N, C-alpha and C. Protein backbone atom coordinates (compact mmCIF):
# COMPACT_ATOMS: atom_id res chain seq x y z
N UNK A 1 99.31 -34.21 51.04
CA UNK A 1 99.46 -32.95 50.33
C UNK A 1 100.74 -32.36 50.82
N UNK A 2 101.60 -31.98 49.86
CA UNK A 2 102.90 -31.23 50.31
C UNK A 2 102.64 -29.79 50.61
N UNK A 3 103.56 -29.30 51.37
CA UNK A 3 103.47 -27.90 51.96
C UNK A 3 103.34 -26.80 50.86
N UNK A 4 104.03 -26.92 49.69
CA UNK A 4 103.96 -26.02 48.58
C UNK A 4 102.57 -25.95 47.97
N UNK A 5 102.06 -27.19 47.69
CA UNK A 5 100.68 -27.33 47.21
C UNK A 5 99.69 -26.67 48.05
N UNK A 6 99.78 -27.06 49.36
CA UNK A 6 98.88 -26.41 50.35
C UNK A 6 98.90 -24.95 50.37
N UNK A 7 100.18 -24.37 50.26
CA UNK A 7 100.17 -22.90 50.27
C UNK A 7 99.62 -22.31 49.00
N UNK A 8 99.75 -22.96 47.81
CA UNK A 8 99.27 -22.50 46.55
C UNK A 8 97.69 -22.62 46.61
N UNK A 9 97.16 -23.69 47.14
CA UNK A 9 95.75 -23.86 47.32
C UNK A 9 95.12 -22.82 48.19
N UNK A 10 95.87 -22.43 49.39
CA UNK A 10 95.36 -21.39 50.25
C UNK A 10 95.40 -20.05 49.49
N UNK A 11 96.45 -19.86 48.87
CA UNK A 11 96.54 -18.56 48.23
C UNK A 11 95.37 -18.42 47.06
N UNK A 12 95.17 -19.40 46.42
CA UNK A 12 94.07 -19.42 45.41
C UNK A 12 92.80 -19.27 46.05
N UNK A 13 92.54 -19.80 47.16
CA UNK A 13 91.23 -19.62 47.84
C UNK A 13 91.22 -18.09 48.25
N UNK A 14 92.28 -17.55 48.83
CA UNK A 14 92.23 -16.19 49.20
C UNK A 14 91.99 -15.28 48.04
N UNK A 15 92.51 -15.51 46.92
CA UNK A 15 92.34 -14.62 45.61
C UNK A 15 90.84 -14.79 45.19
N UNK A 16 90.29 -16.03 45.31
CA UNK A 16 88.90 -16.19 44.96
C UNK A 16 87.95 -15.50 45.98
N UNK A 17 88.32 -15.46 47.23
CA UNK A 17 87.46 -14.71 48.21
C UNK A 17 87.57 -13.28 47.80
N UNK A 18 88.83 -12.80 47.68
CA UNK A 18 88.92 -11.34 47.32
C UNK A 18 88.10 -10.92 46.06
N UNK A 19 88.22 -11.86 45.02
CA UNK A 19 87.47 -11.50 43.78
C UNK A 19 85.90 -11.51 44.05
N UNK A 20 85.46 -12.44 44.92
CA UNK A 20 84.03 -12.52 45.22
C UNK A 20 83.61 -11.25 45.94
N UNK A 21 84.44 -10.73 46.93
CA UNK A 21 84.02 -9.47 47.69
C UNK A 21 84.25 -8.27 46.87
N UNK A 22 85.24 -8.28 46.00
CA UNK A 22 85.59 -7.02 45.34
C UNK A 22 84.94 -6.80 44.00
N UNK A 23 84.60 -7.95 43.30
CA UNK A 23 83.91 -7.83 42.03
C UNK A 23 82.47 -8.40 42.04
N UNK A 24 82.36 -9.46 42.57
CA UNK A 24 80.98 -10.16 42.50
C UNK A 24 79.98 -9.58 43.54
N UNK A 25 80.37 -9.13 44.60
CA UNK A 25 79.49 -8.74 45.70
C UNK A 25 79.98 -7.42 46.33
N UNK A 26 80.19 -6.44 45.41
CA UNK A 26 80.46 -5.04 45.74
C UNK A 26 79.40 -4.40 46.67
N UNK A 27 78.09 -5.01 46.37
CA UNK A 27 76.88 -4.45 47.06
C UNK A 27 76.95 -4.72 48.52
N UNK A 28 77.67 -5.65 49.00
CA UNK A 28 77.68 -6.11 50.38
C UNK A 28 78.61 -5.18 51.08
N UNK A 29 78.01 -4.45 52.02
CA UNK A 29 78.71 -3.40 52.80
C UNK A 29 79.70 -3.96 53.88
N UNK A 30 80.93 -3.31 54.06
CA UNK A 30 81.82 -3.75 55.07
C UNK A 30 81.11 -3.87 56.42
N UNK A 31 80.27 -2.85 56.79
CA UNK A 31 79.60 -2.83 58.03
C UNK A 31 78.78 -4.00 58.15
N UNK A 32 78.07 -4.39 57.14
CA UNK A 32 77.28 -5.60 57.36
C UNK A 32 78.12 -6.81 57.44
N UNK A 33 79.24 -6.93 56.76
CA UNK A 33 80.16 -8.15 56.98
C UNK A 33 80.60 -8.17 58.37
N UNK A 34 81.03 -6.99 58.89
CA UNK A 34 81.55 -7.00 60.23
C UNK A 34 80.48 -7.47 61.25
N UNK A 35 79.34 -6.86 61.05
CA UNK A 35 78.25 -7.13 61.96
C UNK A 35 77.79 -8.60 61.95
N UNK A 36 77.70 -9.20 60.82
CA UNK A 36 77.38 -10.58 60.70
C UNK A 36 78.53 -11.60 60.84
N UNK A 37 79.67 -11.35 60.31
CA UNK A 37 80.70 -12.36 60.29
C UNK A 37 81.93 -12.02 61.28
N UNK A 38 81.95 -10.81 61.69
CA UNK A 38 83.09 -10.50 62.59
C UNK A 38 84.33 -10.00 61.75
N UNK A 39 84.21 -9.92 60.48
CA UNK A 39 85.45 -9.40 59.68
C UNK A 39 84.88 -8.75 58.45
N UNK A 40 85.68 -7.91 57.83
CA UNK A 40 85.26 -7.28 56.50
C UNK A 40 86.50 -7.14 55.60
N UNK A 41 86.35 -6.50 54.49
CA UNK A 41 87.42 -6.22 53.58
C UNK A 41 88.64 -5.62 54.31
N UNK A 42 88.35 -4.58 55.15
CA UNK A 42 89.47 -3.94 55.89
C UNK A 42 90.15 -4.95 56.72
N UNK A 43 89.49 -5.91 57.36
CA UNK A 43 90.28 -6.92 58.13
C UNK A 43 91.13 -7.72 57.28
N UNK A 44 90.63 -8.11 56.04
CA UNK A 44 91.47 -8.85 55.14
C UNK A 44 92.76 -8.07 54.76
N UNK A 45 92.50 -6.85 54.54
CA UNK A 45 93.66 -6.01 54.09
C UNK A 45 94.58 -5.84 55.30
N UNK A 46 94.12 -5.82 56.42
CA UNK A 46 94.91 -5.70 57.83
C UNK A 46 95.77 -7.08 57.95
N UNK A 47 95.01 -8.09 57.66
CA UNK A 47 95.73 -9.50 57.84
C UNK A 47 96.88 -9.55 56.75
N UNK A 48 96.65 -9.02 55.61
CA UNK A 48 97.55 -9.07 54.46
C UNK A 48 98.80 -8.17 54.98
N UNK A 49 98.56 -7.01 55.55
CA UNK A 49 99.60 -6.17 56.06
C UNK A 49 100.37 -6.93 57.12
N UNK A 50 99.70 -7.46 58.14
CA UNK A 50 100.33 -8.23 59.18
C UNK A 50 101.26 -9.33 58.61
N UNK A 51 100.78 -10.02 57.62
CA UNK A 51 101.56 -11.14 57.14
C UNK A 51 102.82 -10.57 56.45
N UNK A 52 102.67 -9.49 55.68
CA UNK A 52 103.83 -8.90 55.02
C UNK A 52 104.83 -8.44 56.11
N UNK A 53 104.28 -7.73 57.16
CA UNK A 53 105.22 -7.33 58.15
C UNK A 53 105.88 -8.45 58.90
N UNK A 54 105.22 -9.60 59.05
CA UNK A 54 105.93 -10.70 59.65
C UNK A 54 107.00 -11.19 58.84
N UNK A 55 106.90 -11.03 57.55
CA UNK A 55 107.91 -11.56 56.56
C UNK A 55 109.12 -10.40 56.43
N UNK A 56 108.95 -9.30 57.21
CA UNK A 56 109.90 -8.25 57.16
C UNK A 56 109.72 -7.26 56.07
N UNK A 57 108.60 -7.29 55.52
CA UNK A 57 108.11 -6.42 54.42
C UNK A 57 107.47 -5.09 55.10
N UNK A 58 108.04 -3.95 55.01
CA UNK A 58 107.40 -2.77 55.56
C UNK A 58 106.18 -2.47 54.78
N UNK A 59 104.99 -2.24 55.39
CA UNK A 59 103.73 -1.95 54.61
C UNK A 59 102.88 -1.26 55.68
N UNK A 60 102.33 -0.13 55.40
CA UNK A 60 101.37 0.35 56.35
C UNK A 60 99.95 0.09 55.93
N UNK A 61 99.03 0.53 56.61
CA UNK A 61 97.59 0.18 56.45
C UNK A 61 97.09 0.80 55.12
N UNK A 62 97.51 1.98 54.77
CA UNK A 62 97.11 2.49 53.45
C UNK A 62 97.61 1.71 52.30
N UNK A 63 98.80 1.38 52.35
CA UNK A 63 99.41 0.42 51.26
C UNK A 63 98.71 -0.78 51.10
N UNK A 64 98.49 -1.46 52.31
CA UNK A 64 97.81 -2.75 52.27
C UNK A 64 96.37 -2.73 51.69
N UNK A 65 95.62 -1.56 52.10
CA UNK A 65 94.32 -1.36 51.66
C UNK A 65 94.43 -1.10 50.14
N UNK A 66 95.35 -0.32 49.67
CA UNK A 66 95.38 -0.14 48.15
C UNK A 66 95.67 -1.34 47.38
N UNK A 67 96.45 -2.27 47.98
CA UNK A 67 96.81 -3.49 47.33
C UNK A 67 95.54 -4.35 47.31
N UNK A 68 94.93 -4.49 48.49
CA UNK A 68 93.76 -5.37 48.51
C UNK A 68 92.44 -4.78 47.70
N UNK A 69 92.21 -3.55 47.88
CA UNK A 69 91.09 -2.93 47.07
C UNK A 69 91.46 -2.59 45.58
N UNK A 70 92.60 -2.62 45.24
CA UNK A 70 93.11 -2.28 43.87
C UNK A 70 92.95 -0.92 43.49
N UNK A 71 92.82 0.00 44.57
CA UNK A 71 92.76 1.55 44.40
C UNK A 71 92.78 2.06 45.75
N UNK A 72 93.09 3.27 45.88
CA UNK A 72 93.07 3.91 47.19
C UNK A 72 91.78 3.64 47.85
N UNK A 73 91.74 3.41 49.10
CA UNK A 73 90.55 2.99 49.84
C UNK A 73 89.49 4.06 49.75
N UNK A 74 89.78 5.35 49.90
CA UNK A 74 88.74 6.32 49.76
C UNK A 74 88.00 6.31 48.42
N UNK A 75 88.72 5.96 47.37
CA UNK A 75 88.16 5.85 46.07
C UNK A 75 87.22 4.76 46.01
N UNK A 76 87.57 3.60 46.58
CA UNK A 76 86.72 2.45 46.64
C UNK A 76 85.50 2.79 47.48
N UNK A 77 85.57 3.39 48.63
CA UNK A 77 84.46 3.81 49.44
C UNK A 77 83.50 4.65 48.66
N UNK A 78 84.04 5.65 48.06
CA UNK A 78 83.13 6.56 47.26
C UNK A 78 82.41 5.82 46.10
N UNK A 79 82.91 4.85 45.59
CA UNK A 79 82.24 4.15 44.44
C UNK A 79 81.21 3.12 45.00
N UNK A 80 81.54 2.51 46.19
CA UNK A 80 80.77 1.29 46.63
C UNK A 80 80.06 1.36 47.98
N UNK A 81 80.44 2.25 48.86
CA UNK A 81 79.88 2.15 50.19
C UNK A 81 78.73 3.24 50.31
N UNK A 82 77.73 2.79 51.10
CA UNK A 82 76.67 3.67 51.39
C UNK A 82 76.78 4.09 52.78
N UNK A 83 75.92 5.15 53.23
CA UNK A 83 75.90 5.66 54.56
C UNK A 83 75.29 4.61 55.49
N UNK A 84 75.85 4.31 56.63
CA UNK A 84 75.42 3.33 57.51
C UNK A 84 74.29 3.87 58.37
N UNK A 85 73.40 3.05 58.57
CA UNK A 85 72.15 3.50 59.44
C UNK A 85 72.64 3.51 60.96
N UNK A 86 71.91 4.20 61.79
CA UNK A 86 72.25 4.20 63.18
C UNK A 86 72.27 2.74 63.84
N UNK A 87 71.37 1.86 63.39
CA UNK A 87 71.27 0.54 63.81
C UNK A 87 72.58 -0.23 63.35
N UNK A 88 72.99 -0.01 62.12
CA UNK A 88 74.18 -0.71 61.59
C UNK A 88 75.44 -0.21 62.42
N UNK A 89 75.48 1.18 62.77
CA UNK A 89 76.64 1.63 63.51
C UNK A 89 76.64 1.18 64.86
N UNK A 90 75.50 0.95 65.58
CA UNK A 90 75.45 0.49 66.93
C UNK A 90 75.90 -1.04 66.94
N UNK A 91 75.40 -1.83 65.98
CA UNK A 91 75.85 -3.24 65.86
C UNK A 91 77.32 -3.24 65.56
N UNK A 92 77.84 -2.40 64.79
CA UNK A 92 79.32 -2.32 64.46
C UNK A 92 80.26 -2.10 65.66
N UNK A 93 79.68 -1.23 66.56
CA UNK A 93 80.38 -0.94 67.80
C UNK A 93 80.67 -2.19 68.53
N UNK A 94 79.62 -3.00 68.67
CA UNK A 94 79.65 -4.25 69.41
C UNK A 94 80.58 -5.23 68.68
N UNK A 95 80.36 -5.40 67.37
CA UNK A 95 81.15 -6.41 66.61
C UNK A 95 82.61 -5.94 66.53
N UNK A 96 82.91 -4.71 66.41
CA UNK A 96 84.32 -4.28 66.32
C UNK A 96 84.96 -4.44 67.76
N UNK A 97 84.37 -4.29 68.72
CA UNK A 97 84.87 -4.50 70.02
C UNK A 97 85.10 -6.01 70.31
N UNK A 98 84.15 -6.83 69.87
CA UNK A 98 84.33 -8.22 70.04
C UNK A 98 85.41 -8.92 69.13
N UNK A 99 85.55 -8.38 67.92
CA UNK A 99 86.22 -8.98 66.98
C UNK A 99 87.60 -8.39 66.61
N UNK A 100 87.81 -7.14 66.97
CA UNK A 100 89.06 -6.37 66.55
C UNK A 100 89.71 -5.89 67.83
N UNK A 101 89.01 -5.02 68.59
CA UNK A 101 89.69 -4.33 69.73
C UNK A 101 90.32 -5.27 70.70
N UNK A 102 89.43 -6.26 71.14
CA UNK A 102 89.97 -7.13 72.11
C UNK A 102 91.10 -8.03 71.70
N UNK A 103 91.20 -8.29 70.35
CA UNK A 103 92.18 -9.19 69.74
C UNK A 103 93.52 -8.35 69.71
N UNK A 104 93.43 -7.11 69.61
CA UNK A 104 94.68 -6.20 69.46
C UNK A 104 95.26 -5.82 70.84
N UNK A 105 94.51 -6.08 71.83
CA UNK A 105 95.01 -5.55 73.17
C UNK A 105 96.04 -6.58 73.71
């Protein structure tokens, strides 16, 4: 497989993952994704931002989230997210430390 085809297939897979998370499974909460998989929609938007920045494109977190979510993040949260339980929040503290905080240090 040539490099361009590989890039196109990877991009198509990313778009399909985004569609699945943003349209097909809006019911799945970010906190549950982070607790179970170690990443969530916010991570995907952050990785998008990091890739843009690596290419010399200035983009902040809010811009990346709006691109990924298709709307301002607060709007998406208001439409789709529910209040996290104390158990979810405790598990998130651990998952975030293991999957995000340590990686950024």
